[in-house]
Amino acid sequence: MRKIVWSSVIGLIAVIVAGCFLIRPQLWARSTDLSAESVGGVKIGENIGSRSFTGKYQQTLNKQDNTMYDYYEWDGGLRTASIISGPEQGTIMRLIISGQENPLTTAKGIHIGDSKEKVMSLYGKKYYKSGEQGADIVGYIDREQNLTLEFWCVNSTGEVAEIRLDDAGVK
C-alpha cells in the first residue's frame, strides 16, 4: 500500500514538472543579458511620446486598442504595445517587427529572414524553445532586466519571420 502511495506521489510530481516545462518553457531557461537590447533602435520602457522615439517614428499607420495595451504600427516597420492610461501611459512594453521587407534589426543585427542558426550564434545557447501559431520560437530571457526576446521562425525554412522584445510581464 505504501509503495502505491509513493508511486502515485512521484508520478503526480513528474506530471506537474513536465506540465510546467511544456506550458512555460522560459521557466527553465538560464538568464541572458539583454540590457543593451533594442529593436529598431528602441528599448522597452521608452515612451511613445518621448523626443527620442518621435524623432525616429513620427507617424502611426494603424492603432489597435486592446484591453491592456495600445498597439501601434509605425511608419518604418515597427509595432509597439504601450500602456493605455495612468502615470505610465505610453510606456512601451512590447516591440515587434515582421514582414520580409522590414529593414529594422535587433541590437545584435538580426533581421527578418535571418536563419535560426545565426540567432543562436549571436545570442548564445541559453535559450528556450516554444511553438505557437505554426512557428518555432527561440527565446531568450533576462531575469534581472525582466525582458524576453523571441525569434519566431517559419517551420519549413527556419528563417526568422517575426521578432518580439517584451517586458516579461506582458500578457
Protein backbone atom coordinates (compact mmCIF):
# COMPACT_ATOMS: atom_id res chain seq x y z
CA MET A 1 0.00 0.00 0.00
CA ARG A 2 2.79 2.42 0.91
CA LYS A 3 4.51 1.65 -2.36
CA ILE A 4 1.39 2.61 -4.32
CA VAL A 5 1.05 5.92 -2.46
CA TRP A 6 4.71 6.85 -3.05
CA SER A 7 4.47 5.83 -6.71
CA SER A 8 1.38 8.00 -7.10
CA VAL A 9 3.05 10.98 -5.42
CA ILE A 10 6.17 10.67 -7.57
CA GLY A 11 4.03 10.27 -10.68
CA LEU A 12 1.99 13.36 -9.83
CA ILE A 13 5.14 15.42 -9.23
CA ALA A 14 6.56 14.26 -12.58
CA VAL A 15 3.36 15.28 -14.38
CA ILE A 16 3.37 18.73 -12.72
CA VAL A 17 7.03 19.34 -13.57
CA ALA A 18 6.54 18.17 -17.17
CA GLY A 19 3.45 20.38 -17.46
CA CYS A 20 5.36 23.44 -16.27
CA PHE A 21 8.10 22.74 -18.79
CA LEU A 22 5.64 22.39 -21.66
CA ILE A 23 3.41 25.32 -20.73
CA ARG A 24 6.12 27.84 -19.75
CA PRO A 25 9.49 26.77 -21.18
CA GLN A 26 11.07 30.10 -20.20
CA LEU A 27 10.88 28.98 -16.57
CA TRP A 28 13.73 26.57 -17.29
CA ALA A 29 15.92 28.79 -19.47
CA ARG A 30 19.02 30.35 -17.97
CA SER A 31 19.19 34.13 -17.97
CA THR A 32 20.84 36.03 -20.83
CA ASP A 33 21.97 39.66 -20.52
CA LEU A 34 19.55 41.68 -22.69
CA SER A 35 20.26 45.05 -21.03
CA ALA A 36 21.60 46.55 -24.29
CA GLU A 37 18.84 45.03 -26.42
CA SER A 38 16.64 47.12 -28.68
CA VAL A 39 14.53 46.66 -31.78
CA GLY A 40 14.80 49.32 -34.44
CA GLY A 41 16.83 51.41 -32.01
CA VAL A 42 14.02 51.44 -29.42
CA LYS A 43 14.16 49.90 -25.94
CA ILE A 44 11.46 48.54 -23.68
CA GLY A 45 10.46 51.23 -21.18
CA GLU A 46 10.81 54.14 -23.61
CA ASN A 47 7.72 56.27 -24.07
CA ILE A 48 6.00 56.75 -27.43
CA GLY A 49 5.68 60.46 -26.60
CA SER A 50 9.40 60.99 -25.91
CA ARG A 51 11.59 63.01 -28.27
CA SER A 52 13.95 60.08 -28.77
CA PHE A 53 11.05 57.94 -30.01
CA THR A 54 9.18 60.55 -32.06
CA GLY A 55 12.44 61.54 -33.73
CA LYS A 56 12.63 58.04 -35.26
CA TYR A 57 8.95 57.13 -35.60
CA GLN A 58 6.75 60.12 -36.29
CA GLN A 59 3.65 58.75 -37.94
CA THR A 60 1.31 55.98 -36.83
CA LEU A 61 -0.15 53.91 -39.62
CA ASN A 62 -2.59 51.95 -37.51
CA LYS A 63 -3.83 51.79 -33.92
CA GLN A 64 -5.36 48.69 -32.38
CA ASP A 65 -7.00 49.02 -28.98
CA ASN A 66 -6.57 46.13 -26.60
CA THR A 67 -7.83 45.78 -23.04
CA MET A 68 -4.34 46.17 -21.57
CA TYR A 69 -2.22 47.92 -24.22
CA ASP A 70 -2.50 50.21 -27.22
CA TYR A 71 -0.88 48.55 -30.22
CA TYR A 72 0.53 50.93 -32.81
CA GLU A 73 2.03 50.27 -36.21
CA TRP A 74 4.55 52.98 -37.08
CA ASP A 75 5.87 54.25 -40.38
CA GLY A 76 9.23 52.49 -40.71
CA GLY A 77 8.07 48.97 -39.83
CA LEU A 78 7.90 48.96 -36.02
CA ARG A 79 4.90 47.82 -33.96
CA THR A 80 4.61 48.74 -30.30
CA ALA A 81 2.38 47.87 -27.37
CA SER A 82 2.21 50.63 -24.80
CA ILE A 83 0.38 51.21 -21.54
CA ILE A 84 -3.08 52.70 -22.14
CA SER A 85 -3.54 55.02 -19.16
CA GLY A 86 -2.26 56.23 -15.84
CA PRO A 87 1.13 57.64 -14.89
CA GLU A 88 2.90 55.10 -17.13
CA GLN A 89 0.73 55.88 -20.19
CA GLY A 90 2.69 55.48 -23.42
CA THR A 91 5.42 53.33 -21.87
CA ILE A 92 6.47 50.69 -24.39
CA MET A 93 6.04 47.14 -23.14
CA ARG A 94 6.44 45.21 -26.42
CA LEU A 95 8.29 45.81 -29.68
CA ILE A 96 7.54 43.74 -32.79
CA ILE A 97 9.00 43.60 -36.28
CA SER A 98 7.85 41.35 -39.10
CA GLY A 99 7.49 41.38 -42.89
CA GLN A 100 10.10 40.41 -45.47
CA GLU A 101 11.00 43.96 -46.48
CA ASN A 102 11.38 45.25 -42.92
CA PRO A 103 14.80 46.95 -42.55
CA LEU A 104 14.78 47.07 -38.72
CA THR A 105 17.10 44.88 -36.65
CA THR A 106 17.86 43.85 -33.10
CA ALA A 107 20.83 45.37 -31.26
CA LYS A 108 23.00 42.48 -32.50
CA GLY A 109 21.88 42.91 -36.10
CA ILE A 110 19.34 40.11 -36.56
CA HIS A 111 16.66 41.00 -39.08
CA ILE A 112 13.68 39.30 -40.68
CA GLY A 113 14.84 36.48 -42.98
CA ASP A 114 17.96 35.56 -40.98
CA SER A 115 18.41 31.92 -40.01
CA LYS A 116 17.68 30.38 -36.63
CA GLU A 117 21.35 29.30 -36.57
CA LYS A 118 22.52 32.92 -36.92
CA VAL A 119 20.28 33.90 -33.99
CA MET A 120 21.76 31.18 -31.79
CA SER A 121 25.33 32.01 -32.81
CA LEU A 122 24.87 35.70 -31.88
CA TYR A 123 22.68 35.32 -28.78
CA GLY A 124 24.08 32.09 -27.38
CA LYS A 125 22.91 28.77 -26.04
CA LYS A 126 20.83 29.97 -23.07
CA TYR A 127 17.54 29.88 -24.98
CA TYR A 128 14.18 28.23 -24.62
CA LYS A 129 12.15 26.67 -27.40
CA SER A 130 8.43 27.02 -27.85
CA GLY A 131 5.86 26.86 -30.60
CA GLU A 132 2.84 28.98 -31.41
CA GLN A 133 0.72 29.71 -34.47
CA GLY A 134 2.79 27.32 -36.59
CA ALA A 135 6.11 28.96 -35.73
CA ASP A 136 9.15 27.59 -33.93
CA ILE A 137 10.12 30.12 -31.28
CA VAL A 138 13.66 30.59 -30.00
CA GLY A 139 13.53 32.81 -26.92
CA TYR A 140 15.93 34.46 -24.51
CA ILE A 141 15.06 35.77 -21.06
CA ASP A 142 16.84 38.32 -18.90
CA ARG A 143 15.62 37.75 -15.37
CA GLU A 144 17.47 40.79 -13.99
CA GLN A 145 16.05 43.25 -16.54
CA ASN A 146 12.70 41.39 -16.77
CA LEU A 147 12.91 41.12 -20.58
CA THR A 148 12.22 38.43 -23.15
CA LEU A 149 13.45 38.37 -26.74
CA GLU A 150 11.73 35.94 -29.10
CA PHE A 151 12.52 34.97 -32.66
CA TRP A 152 9.53 33.40 -34.40
CA CYS A 153 10.88 31.13 -37.13
CA VAL A 154 8.99 29.62 -40.05
CA ASN A 155 8.94 25.85 -39.65
CA SER A 156 9.70 24.92 -43.25
CA THR A 157 12.77 27.14 -43.71
CA GLY A 158 13.89 28.07 -40.20
CA GLU A 159 14.01 31.74 -41.19
CA VAL A 160 13.10 34.45 -38.70
CA ALA A 161 9.61 35.72 -39.60
CA GLU A 162 8.95 37.88 -36.52
CA ILE A 163 10.97 39.34 -33.65
CA ARG A 164 9.46 40.35 -30.31
CA LEU A 165 11.16 42.16 -27.44
CA ASP A 166 8.89 42.25 -24.39
CA ASP A 167 8.75 43.28 -20.81
CA ALA A 168 8.44 39.78 -19.30
CA GLY A 169 5.21 40.82 -17.58
CA VAL A 170 3.32 41.37 -20.85
CA LYS A 171 0.30 39.12 -21.14
